[in-house]
Amino acid sequence: MQKLQLHLVTWFRLELPCHSFLQAITSFQSQLRKPKRKDDKHLRRNSMNRRNILVLGLSAVIATALSQAGLSQSDLLIGTWKLNLEKSKYSPGPPPKSQTLNFQRAGQDLQNTAETIDAQDQATKIVFMHIYDGKPHPTTGNPLFDATTYTRVDDHHVKWVRSKADKPVQTGTNEISADGKTFTVSTEGIGPNGQPISSVGVYEKQ
């Protein structure tokens, strides 16, 4: 580069008048500054890279948020729930003294173990298999029914039918709140002694 500058300066001095020589030198110096544009391009590339990383990071965050927002009811149910007697309704009464639901994975399905202390201090345990395929699956622990059919409506609502010897005896819905903290079970059908029952059980996540 120094040899090139010396050659140009010598040529300018021989071929150009003084004022033209100064103009040429100024022009040449401005040309020497042009490589800085490469630095500008490098900076632009770095800026674009940072912007691309930011976009990718935001996309990952959004994807994670959407995936969490789209959790199915079976995922949200996993854990322990306790009956809130003050918010629940039972007709006819009396309501149970307490009830706890424990949801856990059973392979690809969901198992709900409902432990209840009734008004006469009798303890019962019913095991429901939550398989959302619209087909009856065995339910144990209650003489009123021996199978339950679950049909998913959406990620927060499920319809179900409890049956005895393939005959429906109770129908209802399960609903889990948007924040995943409240689980509501509505039931209509036949209860002990053949009397009609209607109940809304409200459970809270523990």
N, C-alpha and C. Protein backbone atom coordinates (compact mmCIF):
# COMPACT_ATOMS: atom_id res chain seq x y z
N MET A 1 0.83 -1.20 0.00
CA MET A 1 0.00 0.00 0.00
C MET A 1 0.86 1.25 0.00
N GLN A 2 1.94 1.25 0.78
CA GLN A 2 2.83 2.42 0.82
C GLN A 2 3.48 2.65 -0.54
N LYS A 3 3.89 1.59 -1.23
CA LYS A 3 4.48 1.72 -2.57
C LYS A 3 3.48 2.30 -3.55
N LEU A 4 2.22 1.87 -3.41
CA LEU A 4 1.17 2.39 -4.28
C LEU A 4 0.96 3.86 -4.03
N GLN A 5 0.95 4.28 -2.77
CA GLN A 5 0.79 5.69 -2.44
C GLN A 5 1.94 6.51 -3.01
N LEU A 6 3.15 6.03 -2.87
CA LEU A 6 4.33 6.75 -3.38
C LEU A 6 4.26 6.87 -4.89
N HIS A 7 3.85 5.83 -5.57
CA HIS A 7 3.74 5.86 -7.02
C HIS A 7 2.68 6.87 -7.46
N LEU A 8 1.56 6.90 -6.79
CA LEU A 8 0.50 7.82 -7.16
C LEU A 8 0.91 9.26 -6.90
N VAL A 9 1.53 9.49 -5.74
CA VAL A 9 1.98 10.85 -5.41
C VAL A 9 2.98 11.34 -6.45
N THR A 10 3.92 10.51 -6.83
CA THR A 10 4.91 10.90 -7.85
C THR A 10 4.23 11.22 -9.15
N TRP A 11 3.26 10.39 -9.55
CA TRP A 11 2.53 10.61 -10.81
C TRP A 11 1.74 11.89 -10.77
N PHE A 12 1.06 12.14 -9.63
CA PHE A 12 0.29 13.36 -9.52
C PHE A 12 1.18 14.59 -9.62
N ARG A 13 2.37 14.54 -9.01
CA ARG A 13 3.28 15.69 -9.01
C ARG A 13 3.79 15.97 -10.42
N LEU A 14 3.99 14.96 -11.20
CA LEU A 14 4.52 15.13 -12.56
C LEU A 14 3.44 15.56 -13.54
N GLU A 15 2.23 15.12 -13.36
CA GLU A 15 1.19 15.29 -14.37
C GLU A 15 0.18 16.39 -14.04
N LEU A 16 0.06 16.77 -12.75
CA LEU A 16 -1.01 17.68 -12.38
C LEU A 16 -0.46 18.97 -11.81
N PRO A 17 -1.18 20.07 -12.00
CA PRO A 17 -0.84 21.33 -11.33
C PRO A 17 -1.10 21.21 -9.85
N CYS A 18 -0.67 22.23 -9.09
CA CYS A 18 -0.70 22.16 -7.63
C CYS A 18 -2.10 21.96 -7.08
N HIS A 19 -3.06 22.79 -7.58
CA HIS A 19 -4.41 22.68 -7.02
C HIS A 19 -5.03 21.33 -7.37
N SER A 20 -4.74 20.86 -8.59
CA SER A 20 -5.27 19.56 -9.00
C SER A 20 -4.63 18.45 -8.19
N PHE A 21 -3.35 18.66 -7.88
CA PHE A 21 -2.64 17.66 -7.08
C PHE A 21 -3.30 17.50 -5.71
N LEU A 22 -3.63 18.66 -5.07
CA LEU A 22 -4.27 18.60 -3.76
C LEU A 22 -5.63 17.92 -3.83
N GLN A 23 -6.38 18.24 -4.90
CA GLN A 23 -7.68 17.61 -5.08
C GLN A 23 -7.54 16.10 -5.27
N ALA A 24 -6.52 15.73 -6.03
CA ALA A 24 -6.31 14.30 -6.27
C ALA A 24 -5.94 13.57 -4.99
N ILE A 25 -5.07 14.22 -4.19
CA ILE A 25 -4.67 13.61 -2.92
C ILE A 25 -5.90 13.43 -2.02
N THR A 26 -6.74 14.49 -1.97
CA THR A 26 -7.95 14.40 -1.14
C THR A 26 -8.86 13.27 -1.62
N SER A 27 -8.98 13.19 -2.96
CA SER A 27 -9.82 12.12 -3.52
C SER A 27 -9.24 10.76 -3.21
N PHE A 28 -7.92 10.66 -3.33
CA PHE A 28 -7.27 9.39 -3.06
C PHE A 28 -7.44 8.97 -1.60
N GLN A 29 -7.30 9.96 -0.68
CA GLN A 29 -7.48 9.67 0.73
C GLN A 29 -8.91 9.19 1.03
N SER A 30 -9.87 9.84 0.32
CA SER A 30 -11.26 9.40 0.53
C SER A 30 -11.45 7.98 0.02
N GLN A 31 -10.72 7.63 -1.06
CA GLN A 31 -10.81 6.26 -1.56
C GLN A 31 -10.19 5.29 -0.57
N LEU A 32 -9.14 5.73 0.11
CA LEU A 32 -8.50 4.87 1.11
C LEU A 32 -9.44 4.62 2.28
N ARG A 33 -10.31 5.56 2.53
CA ARG A 33 -11.25 5.38 3.64
C ARG A 33 -12.39 4.42 3.30
N LYS A 34 -12.59 4.12 2.03
CA LYS A 34 -13.71 3.28 1.63
C LYS A 34 -13.73 1.90 2.27
N PRO A 35 -12.56 1.29 2.50
CA PRO A 35 -12.61 -0.03 3.15
C PRO A 35 -13.37 -0.04 4.47
N LYS A 36 -13.49 1.17 5.10
CA LYS A 36 -14.27 1.21 6.34
C LYS A 36 -15.70 0.76 6.12
N ARG A 37 -16.13 0.87 4.83
CA ARG A 37 -17.47 0.39 4.54
C ARG A 37 -17.60 -1.10 4.78
N LYS A 38 -16.47 -1.79 4.58
CA LYS A 38 -16.49 -3.21 4.90
C LYS A 38 -16.76 -3.41 6.38
N ASP A 39 -16.17 -2.52 7.19
CA ASP A 39 -16.45 -2.59 8.62
C ASP A 39 -17.92 -2.33 8.88
N ASP A 40 -18.47 -1.34 8.10
CA ASP A 40 -19.89 -1.06 8.25
C ASP A 40 -20.72 -2.29 7.90
N LYS A 41 -20.31 -2.96 6.80
CA LYS A 41 -21.03 -4.17 6.43
C LYS A 41 -20.90 -5.23 7.51
N HIS A 42 -19.70 -5.28 8.09
CA HIS A 42 -19.50 -6.25 9.18
C HIS A 42 -20.41 -5.93 10.36
N LEU A 43 -20.50 -4.61 10.66
CA LEU A 43 -21.37 -4.21 11.76
C LEU A 43 -22.82 -4.53 11.44
N ARG A 44 -23.20 -4.28 10.14
CA ARG A 44 -24.57 -4.60 9.76
C ARG A 44 -24.84 -6.09 9.86
N ARG A 45 -23.82 -6.88 9.45
CA ARG A 45 -23.99 -8.33 9.57
C ARG A 45 -24.14 -8.73 11.04
N ASN A 46 -23.33 -8.13 11.91
CA ASN A 46 -23.44 -8.43 13.34
C ASN A 46 -24.81 -8.03 13.88
N SER A 47 -25.27 -6.85 13.41
CA SER A 47 -26.59 -6.39 13.86
C SER A 47 -27.68 -7.34 13.40
N MET A 48 -27.55 -7.80 12.13
CA MET A 48 -28.54 -8.75 11.61
C MET A 48 -28.48 -10.06 12.38
N ASN A 49 -27.26 -10.49 12.70
CA ASN A 49 -27.12 -11.73 13.47
C ASN A 49 -27.77 -11.61 14.84
N ARG A 50 -27.52 -10.47 15.50
CA ARG A 50 -28.14 -10.25 16.81
C ARG A 50 -29.66 -10.21 16.69
N ARG A 51 -30.14 -9.57 15.61
CA ARG A 51 -31.59 -9.50 15.41
C ARG A 51 -32.17 -10.88 15.15
N ASN A 52 -31.45 -11.68 14.37
CA ASN A 52 -31.93 -13.04 14.10
C ASN A 52 -31.96 -13.88 15.37
N ILE A 53 -30.93 -13.73 16.21
CA ILE A 53 -30.88 -14.46 17.48
C ILE A 53 -32.05 -14.04 18.37
N LEU A 54 -32.33 -12.72 18.39
CA LEU A 54 -33.43 -12.22 19.21
C LEU A 54 -34.76 -12.78 18.74
N VAL A 55 -34.95 -12.80 17.38
CA VAL A 55 -36.20 -13.33 16.82
C VAL A 55 -36.35 -14.80 17.16
N LEU A 56 -35.24 -15.56 17.03
CA LEU A 56 -35.30 -16.98 17.35
C LEU A 56 -35.61 -17.19 18.83
N GLY A 57 -35.01 -16.37 19.69
CA GLY A 57 -35.25 -16.50 21.13
C GLY A 57 -36.70 -16.20 21.46
N LEU A 58 -37.24 -15.12 20.86
CA LEU A 58 -38.64 -14.78 21.11
C LEU A 58 -39.56 -15.87 20.58
N SER A 59 -39.20 -16.45 19.43
CA SER A 59 -40.02 -17.53 18.87
C SER A 59 -40.05 -18.71 19.81
N ALA A 60 -38.90 -19.03 20.41
CA ALA A 60 -38.85 -20.15 21.35
C ALA A 60 -39.70 -19.88 22.57
N VAL A 61 -39.64 -18.63 23.07
CA VAL A 61 -40.45 -18.28 24.24
C VAL A 61 -41.93 -18.37 23.92
N ILE A 62 -42.32 -17.85 22.73
CA ILE A 62 -43.73 -17.88 22.33
C ILE A 62 -44.19 -19.32 22.16
N ALA A 63 -43.33 -20.16 21.53
CA ALA A 63 -43.70 -21.56 21.33
C ALA A 63 -43.91 -22.26 22.66
N THR A 64 -43.03 -21.97 23.62
CA THR A 64 -43.17 -22.58 24.95
C THR A 64 -44.46 -22.13 25.62
N ALA A 65 -44.75 -20.83 25.53
CA ALA A 65 -45.97 -20.31 26.13
C ALA A 65 -47.20 -20.93 25.51
N LEU A 66 -47.20 -21.08 24.17
CA LEU A 66 -48.34 -21.67 23.50
C LEU A 66 -48.50 -23.13 23.86
N SER A 67 -47.41 -23.83 23.97
CA SER A 67 -47.49 -25.24 24.32
C SER A 67 -48.06 -25.42 25.72
N GLN A 68 -47.69 -24.48 26.65
CA GLN A 68 -48.21 -24.57 28.01
C GLN A 68 -49.69 -24.19 28.04
N ALA A 69 -50.03 -23.18 27.23
CA ALA A 69 -51.41 -22.80 27.18
C ALA A 69 -52.28 -23.89 26.62
N GLY A 70 -51.70 -24.76 25.74
CA GLY A 70 -52.43 -25.82 25.11
C GLY A 70 -52.40 -27.14 25.85
N LEU A 71 -52.00 -27.16 27.12
CA LEU A 71 -51.99 -28.39 27.89
C LEU A 71 -53.39 -28.98 27.93
N SER A 72 -53.49 -30.30 27.74
CA SER A 72 -54.78 -30.96 27.77
C SER A 72 -55.26 -31.12 29.21
N GLN A 73 -56.55 -31.48 29.36
CA GLN A 73 -57.11 -31.65 30.70
C GLN A 73 -56.37 -32.75 31.45
N SER A 74 -55.98 -33.82 30.74
CA SER A 74 -55.29 -34.92 31.41
C SER A 74 -53.99 -34.45 32.04
N ASP A 75 -53.27 -33.52 31.37
CA ASP A 75 -52.03 -33.00 31.94
C ASP A 75 -52.32 -32.09 33.14
N LEU A 76 -53.35 -31.26 33.01
CA LEU A 76 -53.68 -30.33 34.08
C LEU A 76 -54.21 -31.03 35.32
N LEU A 77 -54.81 -32.21 35.13
CA LEU A 77 -55.42 -32.91 36.26
C LEU A 77 -54.43 -33.62 37.16
N ILE A 78 -53.28 -33.93 36.65
CA ILE A 78 -52.32 -34.73 37.42
C ILE A 78 -52.01 -34.05 38.76
N GLY A 79 -52.18 -34.82 39.83
CA GLY A 79 -51.96 -34.29 41.17
C GLY A 79 -53.12 -34.62 42.09
N THR A 80 -53.19 -33.91 43.21
CA THR A 80 -54.22 -34.16 44.23
C THR A 80 -55.21 -33.01 44.30
N TRP A 81 -56.50 -33.37 44.42
CA TRP A 81 -57.58 -32.39 44.51
C TRP A 81 -58.43 -32.69 45.73
N LYS A 82 -58.85 -31.65 46.43
CA LYS A 82 -59.72 -31.83 47.60
C LYS A 82 -61.06 -31.14 47.37
N LEU A 83 -62.13 -31.81 47.82
CA LEU A 83 -63.48 -31.29 47.67
C LEU A 83 -63.69 -30.06 48.56
N ASN A 84 -64.21 -29.00 47.97
CA ASN A 84 -64.59 -27.80 48.72
C ASN A 84 -66.10 -27.90 48.98
N LEU A 85 -66.47 -28.29 50.19
CA LEU A 85 -67.87 -28.53 50.52
C LEU A 85 -68.71 -27.27 50.44
N GLU A 86 -68.13 -26.12 50.77
CA GLU A 86 -68.90 -24.88 50.75
C GLU A 86 -69.31 -24.49 49.33
N LYS A 87 -68.50 -24.84 48.34
CA LYS A 87 -68.81 -24.48 46.96
C LYS A 87 -69.58 -25.57 46.22
N SER A 88 -69.71 -26.75 46.85
CA SER A 88 -70.35 -27.90 46.19
C SER A 88 -71.82 -28.00 46.58
N LYS A 89 -72.60 -28.69 45.73
CA LYS A 89 -74.03 -28.87 45.97
C LYS A 89 -74.41 -30.34 45.75
N TYR A 90 -75.23 -30.88 46.65
CA TYR A 90 -75.67 -32.27 46.56
C TYR A 90 -77.18 -32.34 46.81
N SER A 91 -77.87 -32.95 45.85
CA SER A 91 -79.31 -33.13 45.99
C SER A 91 -79.68 -34.57 45.59
N PRO A 92 -80.29 -35.35 46.48
CA PRO A 92 -80.52 -34.96 47.87
C PRO A 92 -79.24 -35.11 48.69
N GLY A 93 -79.21 -34.55 49.85
CA GLY A 93 -78.06 -34.71 50.73
C GLY A 93 -78.14 -36.04 51.45
N PRO A 94 -77.32 -36.23 52.42
CA PRO A 94 -76.28 -35.28 52.84
C PRO A 94 -75.02 -35.44 51.98
N PRO A 95 -74.19 -34.40 51.93
CA PRO A 95 -72.93 -34.49 51.18
C PRO A 95 -71.91 -35.33 51.94
N PRO A 96 -70.85 -35.78 51.28
CA PRO A 96 -69.80 -36.49 52.00
C PRO A 96 -69.09 -35.55 52.96
N LYS A 97 -68.45 -36.11 53.96
CA LYS A 97 -67.67 -35.29 54.89
C LYS A 97 -66.37 -34.81 54.25
N SER A 98 -65.82 -35.64 53.38
CA SER A 98 -64.59 -35.25 52.67
C SER A 98 -64.42 -36.14 51.46
N GLN A 99 -63.67 -35.63 50.50
CA GLN A 99 -63.33 -36.43 49.32
C GLN A 99 -62.04 -35.89 48.71
N THR A 100 -61.16 -36.81 48.35
CA THR A 100 -59.89 -36.46 47.72
C THR A 100 -59.74 -37.24 46.42
N LEU A 101 -59.35 -36.54 45.37
CA LEU A 101 -59.08 -37.16 44.08
C LEU A 101 -57.58 -37.14 43.84
N ASN A 102 -57.04 -38.27 43.43
CA ASN A 102 -55.61 -38.36 43.13
C ASN A 102 -55.44 -38.85 41.69
N PHE A 103 -55.01 -37.94 40.81
CA PHE A 103 -54.80 -38.28 39.40
C PHE A 103 -53.33 -38.58 39.15
N GLN A 104 -53.08 -39.70 38.49
CA GLN A 104 -51.71 -40.05 38.14
C GLN A 104 -51.69 -40.78 36.80
N ARG A 105 -50.52 -40.76 36.16
CA ARG A 105 -50.36 -41.43 34.88
C ARG A 105 -50.44 -42.94 35.05
N ALA A 106 -51.09 -43.59 34.07
CA ALA A 106 -51.13 -45.05 34.00
C ALA A 106 -50.82 -45.40 32.55
N GLY A 107 -49.52 -45.43 32.24
CA GLY A 107 -49.12 -45.57 30.84
C GLY A 107 -49.47 -44.31 30.09
N GLN A 108 -50.19 -44.45 28.98
CA GLN A 108 -50.61 -43.28 28.21
C GLN A 108 -51.94 -42.73 28.71
N ASP A 109 -52.54 -43.39 29.69
CA ASP A 109 -53.85 -42.99 30.20
C ASP A 109 -53.71 -42.31 31.56
N LEU A 110 -54.87 -42.02 32.15
CA LEU A 110 -54.90 -41.32 33.43
C LEU A 110 -55.78 -42.11 34.39
N GLN A 111 -55.29 -42.28 35.63
CA GLN A 111 -56.05 -42.99 36.66
C GLN A 111 -56.42 -42.04 37.77
N ASN A 112 -57.69 -42.04 38.12
CA ASN A 112 -58.20 -41.20 39.21
C ASN A 112 -58.65 -42.09 40.35
N THR A 113 -58.03 -41.94 41.51
CA THR A 113 -58.45 -42.66 42.72
C THR A 113 -59.19 -41.69 43.62
N ALA A 114 -60.49 -41.94 43.79
CA ALA A 114 -61.34 -41.06 44.60
C ALA A 114 -61.57 -41.70 45.97
N GLU A 115 -61.07 -41.04 47.02
CA GLU A 115 -61.23 -41.53 48.39
C GLU A 115 -62.21 -40.63 49.13
N THR A 116 -63.27 -41.27 49.66
CA THR A 116 -64.37 -40.51 50.24
C THR A 116 -64.70 -40.98 51.66
N ILE A 117 -65.02 -40.04 52.51
CA ILE A 117 -65.62 -40.32 53.83
C ILE A 117 -67.05 -39.80 53.76
N ASP A 118 -68.03 -40.71 53.80
CA ASP A 118 -69.42 -40.26 53.63
C ASP A 118 -69.98 -39.72 54.95
N ALA A 119 -71.27 -39.38 54.90
CA ALA A 119 -71.91 -38.76 56.06
C ALA A 119 -71.98 -39.69 57.26
N GLN A 120 -71.87 -41.00 57.01
CA GLN A 120 -71.89 -41.99 58.10
C GLN A 120 -70.48 -42.44 58.49
N ASP A 121 -69.49 -41.67 58.07
CA ASP A 121 -68.08 -41.95 58.38
C ASP A 121 -67.58 -43.25 57.74
N GLN A 122 -68.23 -43.67 56.65
CA GLN A 122 -67.78 -44.85 55.92
C GLN A 122 -66.79 -44.43 54.83
N ALA A 123 -65.67 -45.15 54.76
CA ALA A 123 -64.65 -44.83 53.77
C ALA A 123 -64.83 -45.69 52.52
N THR A 124 -64.72 -45.06 51.37
CA THR A 124 -64.78 -45.77 50.10
C THR A 124 -63.64 -45.31 49.19
N LYS A 125 -63.30 -46.20 48.27
CA LYS A 125 -62.25 -45.87 47.29
C LYS A 125 -62.71 -46.36 45.92
N ILE A 126 -62.83 -45.42 44.99
CA ILE A 126 -63.25 -45.74 43.62
C ILE A 126 -62.10 -45.40 42.67
N VAL A 127 -61.85 -46.30 41.74
CA VAL A 127 -60.77 -46.08 40.77
C VAL A 127 -61.39 -45.92 39.38
N PHE A 128 -61.18 -44.74 38.80
CA PHE A 128 -61.66 -44.43 37.45
C PHE A 128 -60.47 -44.41 36.48
N MET A 129 -60.65 -45.07 35.34
CA MET A 129 -59.65 -44.98 34.28
C MET A 129 -60.11 -43.94 33.26
N HIS A 130 -59.36 -42.84 33.19
CA HIS A 130 -59.71 -41.78 32.24
C HIS A 130 -59.04 -42.06 30.90
N ILE A 131 -59.82 -42.68 30.02
CA ILE A 131 -59.37 -42.98 28.66
C ILE A 131 -60.35 -42.29 27.72
N TYR A 132 -59.86 -41.26 27.05
CA TYR A 132 -60.75 -40.37 26.30
C TYR A 132 -60.97 -40.87 24.86
N ASP A 133 -61.58 -42.04 24.75
CA ASP A 133 -61.82 -42.61 23.43
C ASP A 133 -63.30 -42.87 23.15
N GLY A 134 -64.17 -42.40 24.06
CA GLY A 134 -65.60 -42.59 23.84
C GLY A 134 -66.08 -44.02 24.03
N LYS A 135 -65.27 -44.84 24.71
CA LYS A 135 -65.64 -46.23 24.95
C LYS A 135 -65.67 -46.51 26.45
N PRO A 136 -66.52 -47.46 26.90
CA PRO A 136 -66.56 -47.78 28.33
C PRO A 136 -65.31 -48.52 28.80
N HIS A 137 -64.82 -48.13 29.97
CA HIS A 137 -63.67 -48.79 30.57
C HIS A 137 -63.97 -49.07 32.04
N PRO A 138 -63.43 -50.16 32.59
CA PRO A 138 -63.79 -50.60 33.95
C PRO A 138 -63.58 -49.52 35.01
N THR A 139 -64.53 -49.44 35.93
CA THR A 139 -64.45 -48.60 37.12
C THR A 139 -64.72 -49.50 38.31
N THR A 140 -63.86 -49.41 39.32
CA THR A 140 -64.01 -50.31 40.47
C THR A 140 -64.27 -49.53 41.75
N GLY A 141 -64.98 -50.17 42.71
CA GLY A 141 -65.15 -49.59 44.04
C GLY A 141 -66.51 -49.06 44.35
N ASN A 142 -67.44 -49.04 43.36
CA ASN A 142 -68.78 -48.53 43.63
C ASN A 142 -69.80 -49.52 43.04
N PRO A 143 -70.74 -50.01 43.86
CA PRO A 143 -71.71 -51.00 43.37
C PRO A 143 -72.72 -50.43 42.38
N LEU A 144 -72.81 -49.11 42.28
CA LEU A 144 -73.79 -48.49 41.38
C LEU A 144 -73.37 -48.57 39.92
N PHE A 145 -72.09 -48.63 39.64
CA PHE A 145 -71.62 -48.66 38.24
C PHE A 145 -70.32 -49.46 38.16
N ASP A 146 -70.05 -50.00 36.98
CA ASP A 146 -68.85 -50.80 36.79
C ASP A 146 -68.00 -50.36 35.59
N ALA A 147 -68.44 -49.29 34.92
CA ALA A 147 -67.67 -48.77 33.78
C ALA A 147 -67.97 -47.29 33.59
N THR A 148 -67.01 -46.59 32.99
CA THR A 148 -67.20 -45.17 32.69
C THR A 148 -66.68 -44.89 31.28
N THR A 149 -67.44 -44.12 30.55
CA THR A 149 -67.06 -43.71 29.19
C THR A 149 -66.74 -42.21 29.20
N TYR A 150 -65.54 -41.85 28.74
CA TYR A 150 -65.13 -40.44 28.71
C TYR A 150 -65.00 -39.97 27.26
N THR A 151 -65.56 -38.79 26.99
CA THR A 151 -65.45 -38.18 25.66
C THR A 151 -64.95 -36.75 25.82
N ARG A 152 -63.81 -36.45 25.23
CA ARG A 152 -63.23 -35.11 25.36
C ARG A 152 -63.98 -34.12 24.47
N VAL A 153 -64.35 -32.99 25.06
CA VAL A 153 -64.97 -31.91 24.30
C VAL A 153 -63.90 -30.94 23.83
N ASP A 154 -63.04 -30.51 24.75
CA ASP A 154 -61.87 -29.69 24.45
C ASP A 154 -60.88 -29.88 25.59
N ASP A 155 -59.84 -29.04 25.63
CA ASP A 155 -58.78 -29.23 26.62
C ASP A 155 -59.24 -29.01 28.06
N HIS A 156 -60.42 -28.43 28.25
CA HIS A 156 -60.89 -28.13 29.61
C HIS A 156 -62.24 -28.76 29.94
N HIS A 157 -62.84 -29.48 28.99
CA HIS A 157 -64.16 -30.06 29.22
C HIS A 157 -64.23 -31.50 28.72
N VAL A 158 -64.87 -32.35 29.54
CA VAL A 158 -65.05 -33.76 29.19
C VAL A 158 -66.47 -34.18 29.57
N LYS A 159 -67.11 -34.95 28.70
CA LYS A 159 -68.41 -35.55 29.02
C LYS A 159 -68.19 -37.02 29.39
N TRP A 160 -69.02 -37.53 30.29
CA TRP A 160 -68.85 -38.92 30.69
C TRP A 160 -70.19 -39.60 30.98
N VAL A 161 -70.17 -40.91 30.91
CA VAL A 161 -71.34 -41.75 31.22
C VAL A 161 -70.87 -42.91 32.08
N ARG A 162 -71.51 -43.10 33.23
CA ARG A 162 -71.24 -44.25 34.08
C ARG A 162 -72.34 -45.30 33.84
N SER A 163 -71.94 -46.55 33.73
CA SER A 163 -72.90 -47.60 33.39
C SER A 163 -72.74 -48.82 34.29
N LYS A 164 -73.84 -49.57 34.37
CA LYS A 164 -73.86 -50.83 35.12
C LYS A 164 -74.39 -51.90 34.17
N ALA A 165 -73.55 -52.91 33.90
CA ALA A 165 -73.93 -53.97 32.95
C ALA A 165 -74.37 -53.36 31.62
N ASP A 166 -73.60 -52.39 31.14
CA ASP A 166 -73.82 -51.73 29.86
C ASP A 166 -75.05 -50.82 29.84
N LYS A 167 -75.67 -50.57 30.98
CA LYS A 167 -76.82 -49.69 31.05
C LYS A 167 -76.42 -48.38 31.74
N PRO A 168 -76.61 -47.23 31.07
CA PRO A 168 -76.24 -45.95 31.69
C PRO A 168 -77.03 -45.69 32.97
N VAL A 169 -76.33 -45.27 34.01
CA VAL A 169 -76.99 -44.94 35.27
C VAL A 169 -76.71 -43.50 35.72
N GLN A 170 -75.60 -42.93 35.27
CA GLN A 170 -75.26 -41.55 35.60
C GLN A 170 -74.56 -40.90 34.41
N THR A 171 -74.81 -39.62 34.22
CA THR A 171 -74.11 -38.84 33.20
C THR A 171 -73.58 -37.56 33.84
N GLY A 172 -72.60 -36.97 33.21
CA GLY A 172 -72.06 -35.75 33.79
C GLY A 172 -70.96 -35.14 32.95
N THR A 173 -70.36 -34.10 33.51
CA THR A 173 -69.27 -33.38 32.85
C THR A 173 -68.16 -33.09 33.84
N ASN A 174 -66.96 -33.01 33.32
CA ASN A 174 -65.79 -32.55 34.08
C ASN A 174 -65.31 -31.25 33.44
N GLU A 175 -65.02 -30.29 34.28
CA GLU A 175 -64.51 -29.01 33.78
C GLU A 175 -63.35 -28.55 34.65
N ILE A 176 -62.26 -28.18 34.00
CA ILE A 176 -61.12 -27.63 34.73
C ILE A 176 -60.95 -26.17 34.34
N SER A 177 -60.74 -25.33 35.33
CA SER A 177 -60.66 -23.89 35.10
C SER A 177 -59.46 -23.53 34.24
N ALA A 178 -59.52 -22.32 33.67
CA ALA A 178 -58.45 -21.86 32.79
C ALA A 178 -57.11 -21.80 33.50
N ASP A 179 -57.13 -21.46 34.80
CA ASP A 179 -55.87 -21.38 35.55
C ASP A 179 -55.42 -22.73 36.10
N GLY A 180 -56.22 -23.80 35.88
CA GLY A 180 -55.85 -25.14 36.31
C GLY A 180 -55.94 -25.37 37.81
N LYS A 181 -56.66 -24.51 38.53
CA LYS A 181 -56.72 -24.63 39.99
C LYS A 181 -58.05 -25.19 40.51
N THR A 182 -59.07 -25.20 39.66
CA THR A 182 -60.39 -25.67 40.08
C THR A 182 -60.91 -26.73 39.12
N PHE A 183 -61.44 -27.81 39.70
CA PHE A 183 -61.96 -28.92 38.92
C PHE A 183 -63.41 -29.16 39.36
N THR A 184 -64.35 -29.08 38.41
CA THR A 184 -65.77 -29.18 38.73
C THR A 184 -66.37 -30.42 38.07
N VAL A 185 -67.03 -31.24 38.87
CA VAL A 185 -67.68 -32.46 38.38
C VAL A 185 -69.19 -32.34 38.59
N SER A 186 -69.95 -32.32 37.49
CA SER A 186 -71.41 -32.24 37.57
C SER A 186 -71.99 -33.62 37.26
N THR A 187 -72.93 -34.05 38.09
CA THR A 187 -73.48 -35.41 37.98
C THR A 187 -75.00 -35.40 38.01
N GLU A 188 -75.62 -36.18 37.11
CA GLU A 188 -77.06 -36.41 37.10
C GLU A 188 -77.28 -37.91 36.93
N GLY A 189 -78.33 -38.45 37.58
CA GLY A 189 -78.62 -39.86 37.38
C GLY A 189 -79.27 -40.52 38.56
N ILE A 190 -78.93 -41.79 38.75
CA ILE A 190 -79.52 -42.62 39.79
C ILE A 190 -78.51 -42.87 40.90
N GLY A 191 -78.94 -42.65 42.14
CA GLY A 191 -78.07 -42.87 43.29
C GLY A 191 -78.49 -44.11 44.07
N PRO A 192 -77.99 -44.23 45.29
CA PRO A 192 -78.38 -45.36 46.15
C PRO A 192 -79.89 -45.47 46.32
N ASN A 193 -80.38 -46.67 46.40
CA ASN A 193 -81.81 -46.93 46.57
C ASN A 193 -82.65 -46.51 45.36
N GLY A 194 -81.96 -46.21 44.25
CA GLY A 194 -82.68 -45.91 43.02
C GLY A 194 -83.24 -44.50 42.92
N GLN A 195 -82.91 -43.62 43.87
CA GLN A 195 -83.46 -42.27 43.82
C GLN A 195 -82.63 -41.40 42.87
N PRO A 196 -83.25 -40.42 42.22
CA PRO A 196 -82.50 -39.52 41.33
C PRO A 196 -81.57 -38.61 42.13
N ILE A 197 -80.44 -38.34 41.58
CA ILE A 197 -79.46 -37.47 42.25
C ILE A 197 -79.00 -36.37 41.29
N SER A 198 -78.56 -35.28 41.85
CA SER A 198 -77.97 -34.17 41.09
C SER A 198 -76.93 -33.52 41.98
N SER A 199 -75.72 -33.40 41.49
CA SER A 199 -74.65 -32.82 42.32
C SER A 199 -73.65 -32.04 41.48
N VAL A 200 -73.02 -31.10 42.14
CA VAL A 200 -71.90 -30.35 41.55
C VAL A 200 -70.79 -30.34 42.58
N GLY A 201 -69.75 -31.11 42.31
CA GLY A 201 -68.61 -31.17 43.21
C GLY A 201 -67.50 -30.25 42.72
N VAL A 202 -67.05 -29.36 43.58
CA VAL A 202 -65.98 -28.41 43.23
C VAL A 202 -64.72 -28.79 44.01
N TYR A 203 -63.66 -29.04 43.26
CA TYR A 203 -62.40 -29.50 43.86
C TYR A 203 -61.30 -28.48 43.61
N GLU A 204 -60.39 -28.38 44.57
CA GLU A 204 -59.29 -27.42 44.47
C GLU A 204 -57.96 -28.14 44.44
N LYS A 205 -57.07 -27.68 43.58
CA LYS A 205 -55.75 -28.30 43.43
C LYS A 205 -54.92 -28.09 44.68
N GLN A 206 -54.26 -29.14 45.11
CA GLN A 206 -53.43 -29.08 46.33
C GLN A 206 -51.96 -28.93 45.94
